[in-house]
C-alpha atoms as a PDB file:
ATOM      1  CA  MET A   1     -34.905 -76.523  42.308  1.00  0.00           C
ATOM      2  CA  ARG A   2     -38.733 -75.969  42.359  1.00  0.00           C
ATOM      3  CA  SER A   3     -40.945 -73.621  43.371  1.00  0.00           C
ATOM      4  CA  GLU A   4     -38.825 -71.332  40.688  1.00  0.00           C
ATOM      5  CA  ILE A   5     -38.816 -72.732  37.503  1.00  0.00           C
ATOM      6  CA  THR A   6     -41.954 -72.994  35.249  1.00  0.00           C
ATOM      7  CA  SER A   7     -42.539 -76.011  33.333  1.00  0.00           C
ATOM      8  CA  PHE A   8     -40.643 -74.408  29.687  1.00  0.00           C
ATOM      9  CA  THR A   9     -36.911 -74.883  28.303  1.00  0.00           C
ATOM     10  CA  THR A  10     -35.697 -74.045  25.318  1.00  0.00           C
ATOM     11  CA  ARG A  11     -32.486 -75.888  25.351  1.00  0.00           C
ATOM     12  CA  LEU A  12     -29.152 -74.016  23.890  1.00  0.00           C
ATOM     13  CA  PRO A  13     -26.586 -76.144  22.220  1.00  0.00           C
ATOM     14  CA  PRO A  14     -24.275 -77.591  24.866  1.00  0.00           C
ATOM     15  CA  VAL A  15     -20.686 -75.500  25.573  1.00  0.00           C
ATOM     16  CA  THR A  16     -18.258 -77.105  23.661  1.00  0.00           C
ATOM     17  CA  VAL A  17     -14.583 -76.858  25.703  1.00  0.00           C
ATOM     18  CA  LEU A  18     -12.056 -75.340  23.246  1.00  0.00           C
ATOM     19  CA  PRO A  19      -8.237 -74.742  24.388  1.00  0.00           C
ATOM     20  CA  SER A  20      -7.630 -70.655  24.597  1.00  0.00           C
ATOM     21  CA  ARG A  21     -10.699 -69.259  22.703  1.00  0.00           C
ATOM     22  CA  ASN A  22     -13.723 -67.780  23.977  1.00  0.00           C
ATOM     23  CA  ILE A  23     -16.426 -70.318  24.199  1.00  0.00           C
ATOM     24  CA  LEU A  24     -19.272 -68.151  22.270  1.00  0.00           C
ATOM     25  CA  THR A  25     -22.537 -70.136  21.708  1.00  0.00           C
ATOM     26  CA  PRO A  26     -24.503 -70.447  18.858  1.00  0.00           C
ATOM     27  CA  LEU A  27     -27.204 -68.911  20.575  1.00  0.00           C
ATOM     28  CA  PHE A  28     -25.016 -65.796  21.336  1.00  0.00           C
ATOM     29  CA  ARG A  29     -23.560 -65.096  18.345  1.00  0.00           C
ATOM     30  CA  LYS A  30     -27.058 -64.407  17.019  1.00  0.00           C
ATOM     31  CA  LEU A  31     -27.583 -62.538  19.992  1.00  0.00           C
ATOM     32  CA  LEU A  32     -25.571 -60.517  19.375  1.00  0.00           C
ATOM     33  CA  LEU A  33     -25.922 -59.930  15.793  1.00  0.00           C
ATOM     34  CA  TRP A  34     -29.279 -59.812  16.352  1.00  0.00           C
ATOM     35  CA  THR A  35     -29.381 -56.725  18.960  1.00  0.00           C
ATOM     36  CA  GLY A  36     -26.061 -55.195  17.365  1.00  0.00           C
ATOM     37  CA  SER A  37     -28.009 -52.308  15.882  1.00  0.00           C
ATOM     38  CA  TRP A  38     -30.083 -51.507  19.398  1.00  0.00           C
ATOM     39  CA  LEU A  39     -27.482 -51.663  21.133  1.00  0.00           C
ATOM     40  CA  LEU A  40     -26.092 -49.432  19.283  1.00  0.00           C
ATOM     41  CA  LEU A  41     -29.146 -46.778  19.789  1.00  0.00           C
ATOM     42  CA  LEU A  42     -28.147 -46.979  24.276  1.00  0.00           C
ATOM     43  CA  PRO A  43     -26.961 -43.970  25.993  1.00  0.00           C
ATOM     44  CA  VAL A  44     -22.806 -45.290  25.467  1.00  0.00           C
ATOM     45  CA  THR A  45     -21.858 -43.599  28.542  1.00  0.00           C
ATOM     46  CA  SER A  46     -24.310 -45.783  30.195  1.00  0.00           C
ATOM     47  CA  LEU A  47     -24.067 -49.132  28.866  1.00  0.00           C
ATOM     48  CA  ALA A  48     -20.177 -48.528  29.190  1.00  0.00           C
ATOM     49  CA  GLN A  49     -21.051 -48.442  32.722  1.00  0.00           C
ATOM     50  CA  LYS A  50     -23.687 -50.840  33.154  1.00  0.00           C
ATOM     51  CA  ASN A  51     -20.678 -53.307  31.496  1.00  0.00           C
ATOM     52  CA  ARG A  52     -18.453 -52.741  34.692  1.00  0.00           C
ATOM     53  CA  ILE A  53     -19.145 -55.232  37.534  1.00  0.00           C
ATOM     54  CA  ASN A  54     -19.262 -53.288  40.617  1.00  0.00           C
ATOM     55  CA  ARG A  55     -21.526 -55.311  42.610  1.00  0.00           C
ATOM     56  CA  ILE A  56     -22.533 -59.221  42.428  1.00  0.00           C
ATOM     57  CA  VAL A  57     -25.391 -60.902  43.912  1.00  0.00           C
ATOM     58  CA  ILE A  58     -25.467 -64.429  45.210  1.00  0.00           C
ATOM     59  CA  ASP A  59     -28.587 -65.901  45.951  1.00  0.00           C
ATOM     60  CA  ALA A  60     -28.336 -69.570  47.246  1.00  0.00           C
ATOM     61  CA  GLY A  61     -30.825 -71.252  46.603  1.00  0.00           C
ATOM     62  CA  HIS A  62     -33.780 -72.309  48.617  1.00  0.00           C
ATOM     63  CA  GLY A  63     -32.945 -72.376  52.394  1.00  0.00           C
ATOM     64  CA  GLY A  64     -35.265 -72.373  55.601  1.00  0.00           C
ATOM     65  CA  LYS A  65     -38.456 -73.944  54.906  1.00  0.00           C
ATOM     66  CA  ASP A  66     -38.041 -74.966  51.714  1.00  0.00           C
ATOM     67  CA  PRO A  67     -35.277 -77.990  52.053  1.00  0.00           C
ATOM     68  CA  GLY A  68     -34.834 -78.394  47.173  1.00  0.00           C
ATOM     69  CA  ALA A  69     -33.778 -81.671  46.466  1.00  0.00           C
ATOM     70  CA  ARG A  70     -33.841 -84.185  48.792  1.00  0.00           C
ATOM     71  CA  GLY A  71     -30.340 -86.553  48.528  1.00  0.00           C
ATOM     72  CA  LEU A  72     -29.472 -89.839  50.242  1.00  0.00           C
ATOM     73  CA  PHE A  73     -28.481 -87.594  53.475  1.00  0.00           C
ATOM     74  CA  THR A  74     -28.014 -83.707  52.254  1.00  0.00           C
ATOM     75  CA  ASN A  75     -30.245 -80.568  51.145  1.00  0.00           C
ATOM     76  CA  GLU A  76     -30.232 -78.683  47.792  1.00  0.00           C
ATOM     77  CA  LYS A  77     -30.481 -75.319  50.133  1.00  0.00           C
ATOM     78  CA  ASP A  78     -27.326 -76.923  52.495  1.00  0.00           C
ATOM     79  CA  LEU A  79     -25.137 -77.676  49.461  1.00  0.00           C
ATOM     80  CA  THR A  80     -26.121 -74.295  47.655  1.00  0.00           C
ATOM     81  CA  LEU A  81     -25.205 -71.838  51.017  1.00  0.00           C
ATOM     82  CA  GLY A  82     -21.575 -73.714  51.162  1.00  0.00           C
ATOM     83  CA  ILE A  83     -20.921 -73.300  47.611  1.00  0.00           C
ATOM     84  CA  ALA A  84     -22.889 -69.247  47.706  1.00  0.00           C
ATOM     85  CA  LEU A  85     -20.801 -68.473  50.975  1.00  0.00           C
ATOM     86  CA  ARG A  86     -17.409 -69.916  49.475  1.00  0.00           C
ATOM     87  CA  LEU A  87     -17.986 -67.731  46.098  1.00  0.00           C
ATOM     88  CA  GLY A  88     -18.539 -65.031  47.411  1.00  0.00           C
ATOM     89  CA  LYS A  89     -15.968 -64.747  49.398  1.00  0.00           C
ATOM     90  CA  MET A  90     -13.796 -65.805  46.611  1.00  0.00           C
ATOM     91  CA  ILE A  91     -14.404 -62.717  44.556  1.00  0.00           C
ATOM     92  CA  GLU A  92     -14.086 -60.637  48.371  1.00  0.00           C
ATOM     93  CA  ASP A  93     -10.639 -61.813  48.365  1.00  0.00           C
ATOM     94  CA  SER A  94      -9.776 -61.806  44.417  1.00  0.00           C
ATOM     95  CA  LEU A  95     -11.615 -59.475  42.190  1.00  0.00           C
ATOM     96  CA  LYS A  96      -9.777 -55.820  43.314  1.00  0.00           C
ATOM     97  CA  GLY A  97     -13.002 -53.217  43.794  1.00  0.00           C
ATOM     98  CA  VAL A  98     -15.694 -55.927  43.868  1.00  0.00           C
ATOM     99  CA  SER A  99     -18.568 -56.169  46.773  1.00  0.00           C
ATOM    100  CA  VAL A 100     -20.601 -59.242  46.995  1.00  0.00           C
ATOM    101  CA  VAL A 101     -23.800 -59.191  47.777  1.00  0.00           C
ATOM    102  CA  TYR A 102     -26.206 -62.527  49.382  1.00  0.00           C
ATOM    103  CA  THR A 103     -29.690 -62.655  49.092  1.00  0.00           C
ATOM    104  CA  ARG A 104     -28.715 -65.322  52.489  1.00  0.00           C
ATOM    105  CA  THR A 105     -26.039 -65.581  54.293  1.00  0.00           C
ATOM    106  CA  THR A 106     -27.998 -68.408  57.048  1.00  0.00           C
ATOM    107  CA  ASP A 107     -30.587 -70.765  57.050  1.00  0.00           C
ATOM    108  CA  VAL A 108     -33.678 -68.788  56.049  1.00  0.00           C
ATOM    109  CA  PHE A 109     -35.945 -68.092  53.565  1.00  0.00           C
ATOM    110  CA  PRO A 110     -36.465 -65.301  51.090  1.00  0.00           C
ATOM    111  CA  SER A 111     -38.975 -65.224  49.011  1.00  0.00           C
ATOM    112  CA  LEU A 112     -38.950 -65.015  45.141  1.00  0.00           C
ATOM    113  CA  ARG A 113     -39.613 -61.488  45.266  1.00  0.00           C
ATOM    114  CA  GLU A 114     -37.766 -60.917  48.675  1.00  0.00           C
ATOM    115  CA  ARG A 115     -34.564 -62.354  46.165  1.00  0.00           C
ATOM    116  CA  HIS A 116     -35.219 -59.337  43.325  1.00  0.00           C
ATOM    117  CA  GLU A 117     -35.301 -56.832  45.751  1.00  0.00           C
ATOM    118  CA  ILE A 118     -31.952 -57.640  47.442  1.00  0.00           C
ATOM    119  CA  ALA A 119     -30.709 -57.710  44.142  1.00  0.00           C
ATOM    120  CA  ASN A 120     -32.266 -54.781  42.320  1.00  0.00           C
ATOM    121  CA  ARG A 121     -32.098 -52.457  45.161  1.00  0.00           C
ATOM    122  CA  GLY A 122     -28.283 -52.946  45.977  1.00  0.00           C
ATOM    123  CA  ASP A 123     -27.710 -51.861  42.447  1.00  0.00           C
ATOM    124  CA  ALA A 124     -25.647 -54.608  41.660  1.00  0.00           C
ATOM    125  CA  ASP A 125     -24.425 -55.663  38.282  1.00  0.00           C
ATOM    126  CA  LEU A 126     -24.924 -59.584  37.696  1.00  0.00           C
ATOM    127  CA  PHE A 127     -26.994 -62.113  39.728  1.00  0.00           C
ATOM    128  CA  ILE A 128     -25.729 -65.309  40.154  1.00  0.00           C
ATOM    129  CA  SER A 129     -28.314 -67.757  41.855  1.00  0.00           C
ATOM    130  CA  ILE A 130     -26.730 -71.405  42.712  1.00  0.00           C
ATOM    131  CA  HIS A 131     -28.735 -74.742  42.671  1.00  0.00           C
ATOM    132  CA  ILE A 132     -28.489 -78.317  42.849  1.00  0.00           C
ATOM    133  CA  ASN A 133     -29.937 -80.647  40.179  1.00  0.00           C
ATOM    134  CA  SER A 134     -32.162 -83.992  40.801  1.00  0.00           C
ATOM    135  CA  THR A 135     -33.881 -86.201  38.705  1.00  0.00           C
ATOM    136  CA  ALA A 136     -37.302 -87.160  38.732  1.00  0.00           C
ATOM    137  CA  GLY A 137     -36.849 -90.554  39.608  1.00  0.00           C
ATOM    138  CA  ARG A 138     -38.118 -93.958  38.137  1.00  0.00           C
ATOM    139  CA  SER A 139     -40.605 -96.913  38.962  1.00  0.00           C
ATOM    140  CA  GLU A 140     -40.287-100.042  38.447  1.00  0.00           C
ATOM    141  CA  ARG A 141     -42.984-102.501  39.349  1.00  0.00           C
ATOM    142  CA  VAL A 142     -40.853-106.011  40.435  1.00  0.00           C
ATOM    143  CA  GLN A 143     -42.461-109.645  40.985  1.00  0.00           C
ATOM    144  CA  THR A 144     -42.313-110.106  45.111  1.00  0.00           C
ATOM    145  CA  GLY A 145     -43.437-114.040  44.610  1.00  0.00           C
ATOM    146  CA  THR A 146     -46.757-115.767  43.437  1.00  0.00           C
ATOM    147  CA  THR A 147     -50.381-117.154  44.562  1.00  0.00           C
ATOM    148  CA  THR A 148     -52.828-118.586  44.929  1.00  0.00           C
ATOM    149  CA  VAL A 149     -56.532-118.134  43.282  1.00  0.00           C
ATOM    150  CA  GLY A 150     -59.449-119.503  42.554  1.00  0.00           C
ATOM    151  CA  LYS A 151     -61.222-122.961  43.575  1.00  0.00           C
ATOM    152  CA  GLY A 152     -61.479-126.779  41.950  1.00  0.00           C
ATOM    153  CA  LYS A 153     -60.786-125.988  38.130  1.00  0.00           C
ATOM    154  CA  ARG A 154     -60.398-122.388  38.604  1.00  0.00           C
ATOM    155  CA  LYS A 155     -57.673-122.611  40.909  1.00  0.00           C
ATOM    156  CA  ARG A 156     -54.468-120.963  39.287  1.00  0.00           C
ATOM    157  CA  THR A 157     -51.174-119.217  40.640  1.00  0.00           C
ATOM    158  CA  VAL A 158     -51.019-115.695  39.438  1.00  0.00           C
ATOM    159  CA  PRO A 159     -48.012-113.754  40.222  1.00  0.00           C
ATOM    160  CA  VAL A 160     -47.280-110.833  42.859  1.00  0.00           C
ATOM    161  CA  TYR A 161     -45.987-107.586  41.948  1.00  0.00           C
ATOM    162  CA  LYS A 162     -44.920-104.375  43.951  1.00  0.00           C
ATOM    163  CA  THR A 163     -43.659-100.829  42.435  1.00  0.00           C
ATOM    164  CA  ILE A 164     -40.417 -99.820  43.826  1.00  0.00           C
ATOM    165  CA  HIS A 165     -40.076 -96.141  43.303  1.00  0.00           C
ATOM    166  CA  HIS A 166     -35.562 -95.067  42.731  1.00  0.00           C
ATOM    167  CA  ARG A 167     -34.569 -92.523  42.656  1.00  0.00           C
ATOM    168  CA  GLU A 168     -30.889 -92.666  42.837  1.00  0.00           C
ATOM    169  CA  THR A 169     -28.881 -91.062  39.069  1.00  0.00           C
ATOM    170  CA  SER A 170     -26.299 -92.122  37.356  1.00  0.00           C
ATOM    171  CA  THR A 171     -27.169 -88.667  35.057  1.00  0.00           C
ATOM    172  CA  SER A 172     -24.091 -86.598  36.653  1.00  0.00           C
ATOM    173  CA  GLY A 173     -22.752 -82.813  35.443  1.00  0.00           C
ATOM    174  CA  THR A 174     -23.376 -79.252  34.985  1.00  0.00           C
ATOM    175  CA  GLU A 175     -25.829 -76.819  33.554  1.00  0.00           C
ATOM    176  CA  THR A 176     -26.023 -73.101  33.217  1.00  0.00           C
ATOM    177  CA  TYR A 177     -29.826 -71.478  32.732  1.00  0.00           C
ATOM    178  CA  VAL A 178     -30.125 -67.897  31.093  1.00  0.00           C
ATOM    179  CA  LEU A 179     -33.852 -66.490  31.300  1.00  0.00           C
ATOM    180  CA  GLY A 180     -36.006 -67.893  28.830  1.00  0.00           C
ATOM    181  CA  LEU A 181     -37.620 -65.359  25.919  1.00  0.00           C
ATOM    182  CA  HIS A 182     -41.552 -65.588  27.061  1.00  0.00           C
ATOM    183  CA  ARG A 183     -40.252 -63.768  30.445  1.00  0.00           C
ATOM    184  CA  THR A 184     -38.781 -60.658  28.969  1.00  0.00           C
ATOM    185  CA  ASP A 185     -41.739 -58.504  29.479  1.00  0.00           C
ATOM    186  CA  GLN A 186     -41.598 -59.384  33.242  1.00  0.00           C
ATOM    187  CA  LYS A 187     -37.691 -58.270  33.326  1.00  0.00           C
ATOM    188  CA  ALA A 188     -38.764 -55.660  31.344  1.00  0.00           C
ATOM    189  CA  ASP A 189     -40.502 -54.355  33.984  1.00  0.00           C
ATOM    190  CA  ALA A 190     -37.890 -54.713  36.345  1.00  0.00           C
ATOM    191  CA  ILE A 191     -35.415 -52.500  34.131  1.00  0.00           C
ATOM    192  CA  GLY A 192     -37.719 -50.245  33.851  1.00  0.00           C
ATOM    193  CA  GLU A 193     -39.003 -49.811  38.333  1.00  0.00           C
ATOM    194  CA  TYR A 194     -35.247 -49.686  38.324  1.00  0.00           C
ATOM    195  CA  SER A 195     -34.093 -47.603  36.077  1.00  0.00           C
ATOM    196  CA  ASP A 196     -31.789 -45.632  37.773  1.00  0.00           C
ATOM    197  CA  GLN A 197     -29.572 -48.456  39.156  1.00  0.00           C
ATOM    198  CA  VAL A 198     -29.588 -49.137  35.500  1.00  0.00           C
ATOM    199  CA  THR A 199     -28.216 -46.539  34.165  1.00  0.00           C
ATOM    200  CA  ASP A 200     -26.615 -43.176  35.613  1.00  0.00           C
ATOM    201  CA  GLU A 201     -27.794 -40.890  33.317  1.00  0.00           C
ATOM    202  CA  PRO A 202     -30.500 -38.698  34.406  1.00  0.00           C
ATOM    203  CA  GLY A 203     -33.259 -38.720  32.328  1.00  0.00           C
ATOM    204  CA  VAL A 204     -32.708 -41.752  29.888  1.00  0.00           C
ATOM    205  CA  MET A 205     -36.010 -43.644  31.312  1.00  0.00           C
ATOM    206  CA  ASN A 206     -38.028 -41.030  31.730  1.00  0.00           C
ATOM    207  CA  PRO A 207     -42.558 -42.756  31.954  1.00  0.00           C
ATOM    208  CA  ALA A 208     -42.938 -39.360  30.119  1.00  0.00           C
ATOM    209  CA  ASP A 209     -41.096 -40.680  26.752  1.00  0.00           C
ATOM    210  CA  PRO A 210     -42.301 -43.375  24.401  1.00  0.00           C
ATOM    211  CA  GLN A 211     -38.880 -43.853  23.746  1.00  0.00           C
ATOM    212  CA  THR A 212     -38.015 -45.266  26.868  1.00  0.00           C
ATOM    213  CA  ALA A 213     -39.968 -48.403  26.285  1.00  0.00           C
ATOM    214  CA  ILE A 214     -37.233 -48.943  22.969  1.00  0.00           C
ATOM    215  CA  ILE A 215     -34.476 -48.362  25.754  1.00  0.00           C
ATOM    216  CA  ILE A 216     -36.078 -50.648  28.221  1.00  0.00           C
ATOM    217  CA  ALA A 217     -36.465 -52.821  25.245  1.00  0.00           C
ATOM    218  CA  GLN A 218     -32.826 -52.554  24.234  1.00  0.00           C
ATOM    219  CA  TYR A 219     -31.904 -52.782  28.086  1.00  0.00           C
ATOM    220  CA  THR A 220     -33.770 -56.053  27.979  1.00  0.00           C
ATOM    221  CA  GLU A 221     -31.627 -57.682  25.116  1.00  0.00           C
ATOM    222  CA  ALA A 222     -28.628 -56.706  26.176  1.00  0.00           C
ATOM    223  CA  PHE A 223     -28.988 -58.022  29.359  1.00  0.00           C
ATOM    224  CA  LEU A 224     -29.807 -61.367  27.709  1.00  0.00           C
ATOM    225  CA  VAL A 225     -27.270 -61.738  25.349  1.00  0.00           C
ATOM    226  CA  ARG A 226     -24.623 -60.942  28.638  1.00  0.00           C
ATOM    227  CA  SER A 227     -26.161 -63.365  30.846  1.00  0.00           C
ATOM    228  CA  VAL A 228     -25.539 -65.996  27.840  1.00  0.00           C
ATOM    229  CA  ASN A 229     -22.017 -65.075  27.379  1.00  0.00           C
ATOM    230  CA  LEU A 230     -20.907 -65.203  31.527  1.00  0.00           C
ATOM    231  CA  GLY A 231     -23.114 -68.552  31.812  1.00  0.00           C
ATOM    232  CA  ALA A 232     -20.911 -70.328  28.854  1.00  0.00           C
ATOM    233  CA  LYS A 233     -17.700 -69.137  30.544  1.00  0.00           C
ATOM    234  CA  ILE A 234     -18.829 -70.779  33.980  1.00  0.00           C
ATOM    235  CA  GLU A 235     -19.741 -74.522  31.969  1.00  0.00           C
ATOM    236  CA  THR A 236     -16.649 -73.878  30.356  1.00  0.00           C
ATOM    237  CA  ALA A 237     -14.464 -73.070  33.795  1.00  0.00           C
ATOM    238  CA  LEU A 238     -17.103 -76.190  35.520  1.00  0.00           C
ATOM    239  CA  ALA A 239     -15.942 -79.020  32.328  1.00  0.00           C
ATOM    240  CA  ALA A 240     -12.130 -77.507  32.455  1.00  0.00           C
ATOM    241  CA  THR A 241     -12.182 -79.324  35.777  1.00  0.00           C
ATOM    242  CA  GLY A 242     -13.632 -82.941  34.512  1.00  0.00           C
ATOM    243  CA  ARG A 243     -17.162 -82.367  35.486  1.00  0.00           C
ATOM    244  CA  ARG A 244     -19.551 -83.130  32.434  1.00  0.00           C
ATOM    245  CA  SER A 245     -21.695 -79.814  30.737  1.00  0.00           C
ATOM    246  CA  PHE A 246     -25.047 -80.131  29.588  1.00  0.00           C
ATOM    247  CA  GLY A 247     -24.533 -76.456  28.518  1.00  0.00           C
ATOM    248  CA  VAL A 248     -26.447 -73.297  28.442  1.00  0.00           C
ATOM    249  CA  LYS A 249     -29.774 -73.396  28.553  1.00  0.00           C
ATOM    250  CA  GLN A 250     -33.181 -71.054  28.690  1.00  0.00           C
ATOM    251  CA  LYS A 251     -36.030 -71.703  30.981  1.00  0.00           C
ATOM    252  CA  GLY A 252     -38.778 -69.560  32.644  1.00  0.00           C
ATOM    253  CA  LEU A 253     -37.349 -69.148  36.475  1.00  0.00           C
ATOM    254  CA  GLU A 254     -39.168 -66.594  38.037  1.00  0.00           C
ATOM    255  CA  VAL A 255     -35.738 -66.002  39.489  1.00  0.00           C
ATOM    256  CA  LEU A 256     -33.828 -64.599  36.724  1.00  0.00           C
ATOM    257  CA  ALA A 257     -36.681 -62.954  35.594  1.00  0.00           C
ATOM    258  CA  GLY A 258     -37.514 -60.319  38.517  1.00  0.00           C
ATOM    259  CA  SER A 259     -33.774 -59.042  38.687  1.00  0.00           C
ATOM    260  CA  ALA A 260     -32.448 -56.197  36.671  1.00  0.00           C
ATOM    261  CA  MET A 261     -29.560 -57.213  35.434  1.00  0.00           C
ATOM    262  CA  PRO A 262     -27.321 -59.922  33.526  1.00  0.00           C
ATOM    263  CA  GLY A 263     -27.910 -63.108  35.896  1.00  0.00           C
ATOM    264  CA  VAL A 264     -27.421 -66.952  35.485  1.00  0.00           C
ATOM    265  CA  LEU A 265     -28.845 -70.037  37.282  1.00  0.00           C
ATOM    266  CA  VAL A 266     -26.132 -72.827  37.951  1.00  0.00           C
ATOM    267  CA  GLU A 267     -27.164 -75.687  38.537  1.00  0.00           C
ATOM    268  CA  CYS A 268     -23.759 -77.771  40.373  1.00  0.00           C
ATOM    269  CA  GLY A 269     -24.922 -81.303  40.379  1.00  0.00           C
ATOM    270  CA  PHE A 270     -27.299 -83.611  40.644  1.00  0.00           C
ATOM    271  CA  ILE A 271     -27.779 -84.420  44.354  1.00  0.00           C
ATOM    272  CA  ASN A 272     -29.693 -88.145  44.074  1.00  0.00           C
ATOM    273  CA  ASN A 273     -26.555 -89.329  41.988  1.00  0.00           C
ATOM    274  CA  PRO A 274     -24.693 -91.135  45.233  1.00  0.00           C
ATOM    275  CA  THR A 275     -21.264 -89.766  44.012  1.00  0.00           C
ATOM    276  CA  GLU A 276     -21.929 -86.475  42.690  1.00  0.00           C
ATOM    277  CA  GLU A 277     -23.954 -85.735  46.403  1.00  0.00           C
ATOM    278  CA  THR A 278     -21.036 -87.180  48.312  1.00  0.00           C
ATOM    279  CA  PHE A 279     -18.755 -85.005  46.329  1.00  0.00           C
ATOM    280  CA  MET A 280     -20.911 -81.702  46.632  1.00  0.00           C
ATOM    281  CA  ALA A 281     -20.961 -82.085  50.342  1.00  0.00           C
ATOM    282  CA  SER A 282     -17.473 -81.965  50.808  1.00  0.00           C
ATOM    283  CA  GLU A 283     -15.268 -79.463  51.110  1.00  0.00           C
ATOM    284  CA  GLU A 284     -13.055 -79.964  48.083  1.00  0.00           C
ATOM    285  CA  GLY A 285     -15.971 -80.141  45.993  1.00  0.00           C
ATOM    286  CA  GLN A 286     -17.511 -76.780  47.186  1.00  0.00           C
ATOM    287  CA  LYS A 287     -14.345 -75.423  46.845  1.00  0.00           C
ATOM    288  CA  GLU A 288     -13.907 -77.085  43.210  1.00  0.00           C
ATOM    289  CA  ILE A 289     -16.873 -75.734  42.800  1.00  0.00           C
ATOM    290  CA  ALA A 290     -16.962 -72.349  44.166  1.00  0.00           C
ATOM    291  CA  HIS A 291     -13.859 -71.711  41.650  1.00  0.00           C
ATOM    292  CA  ALA A 292     -14.819 -72.493  38.426  1.00  0.00           C
ATOM    293  CA  ILE A 293     -18.380 -69.891  38.519  1.00  0.00           C
ATOM    294  CA  TYR A 294     -15.488 -67.339  39.981  1.00  0.00           C
ATOM    295  CA  LYS A 295     -12.935 -68.167  37.379  1.00  0.00           C
ATOM    296  CA  GLY A 296     -16.128 -68.089  35.005  1.00  0.00           C
ATOM    297  CA  ILE A 297     -16.786 -64.592  36.252  1.00  0.00           C
ATOM    298  CA  ARG A 298     -13.127 -62.923  36.515  1.00  0.00           C
ATOM    299  CA  GLU A 299     -13.468 -63.496  33.360  1.00  0.00           C
ATOM    300  CA  PHE A 300     -16.187 -62.452  32.194  1.00  0.00           C
ATOM    301  CA  ARG A 301     -15.133 -59.260  33.826  1.00  0.00           C
ATOM    302  CA  ALA A 302     -12.093 -58.811  32.243  1.00  0.00           C
ATOM    303  CA  GLU A 303     -13.898 -58.780  29.041  1.00  0.00           C
ATOM    304  CA  SER A 304     -16.574 -56.750  29.977  1.00  0.00           C
ATOM    305  CA  GLU A 305     -14.519 -53.927  31.051  1.00  0.00           C
ATOM    306  CA  ARG A 306     -11.069 -54.098  28.423  1.00  0.00           C
END
């Protein structure tokens, strides 16, 4: 993932897998306590309606002219599409009453604005963006031989070097991102613009009402709490397959900022790790990743609708 991120990142504590226990990250607990009094002010009917998961947008990162990160033999855009389509089918086949909207189903490039509009106009309840990670690589200066310089008494042998760029990495594992706090203004703008999709109660977000700004802020914080909870469940499910989990983090992701709903971005592995690339390019690997994400969504939905 390249074009959809900013340089600001806040690391959240990693998800710890505990048997038979719900995973609540420290950030989630703090947000829950901090927003508790705010959530009491939200219209009860409206909040209950938005806790129901009826439609999920699945966003396959990159596409078309934008290949994303490159591996030894694959591009990120192809891996994300394969995983996204498998995830969508699992949801449609197994989660009764839930429909899926894709931002793309072929090798095309929807802009970030188009991805936002697909989610917002589709009246979606969750936004799941699928991406593949990559490290920056490293450079190494190595001696390739020697050469003779100078003449007479100044003649001497000096080493010759060249720089080798290593793209491969041994880093492996998954991580899930939620929206960074410094981008919540854009999230609030999206909630205000698509208020009809956020709440079914007419007039709750009347632009002429001074309390509307407070209600939008409440929804923004509520969506962040739910995003962290969803991300934790997805990371727990991925870790249960034996993958290393780097946990749930915050980052200023444009693709999450413009959607008026809870959302996460899942980094499914490192494309410049040859072992992980081979795994993610395989049918078995894509099914395993998609199923883990599906399990996280399923658990989140069941908990939300109790």
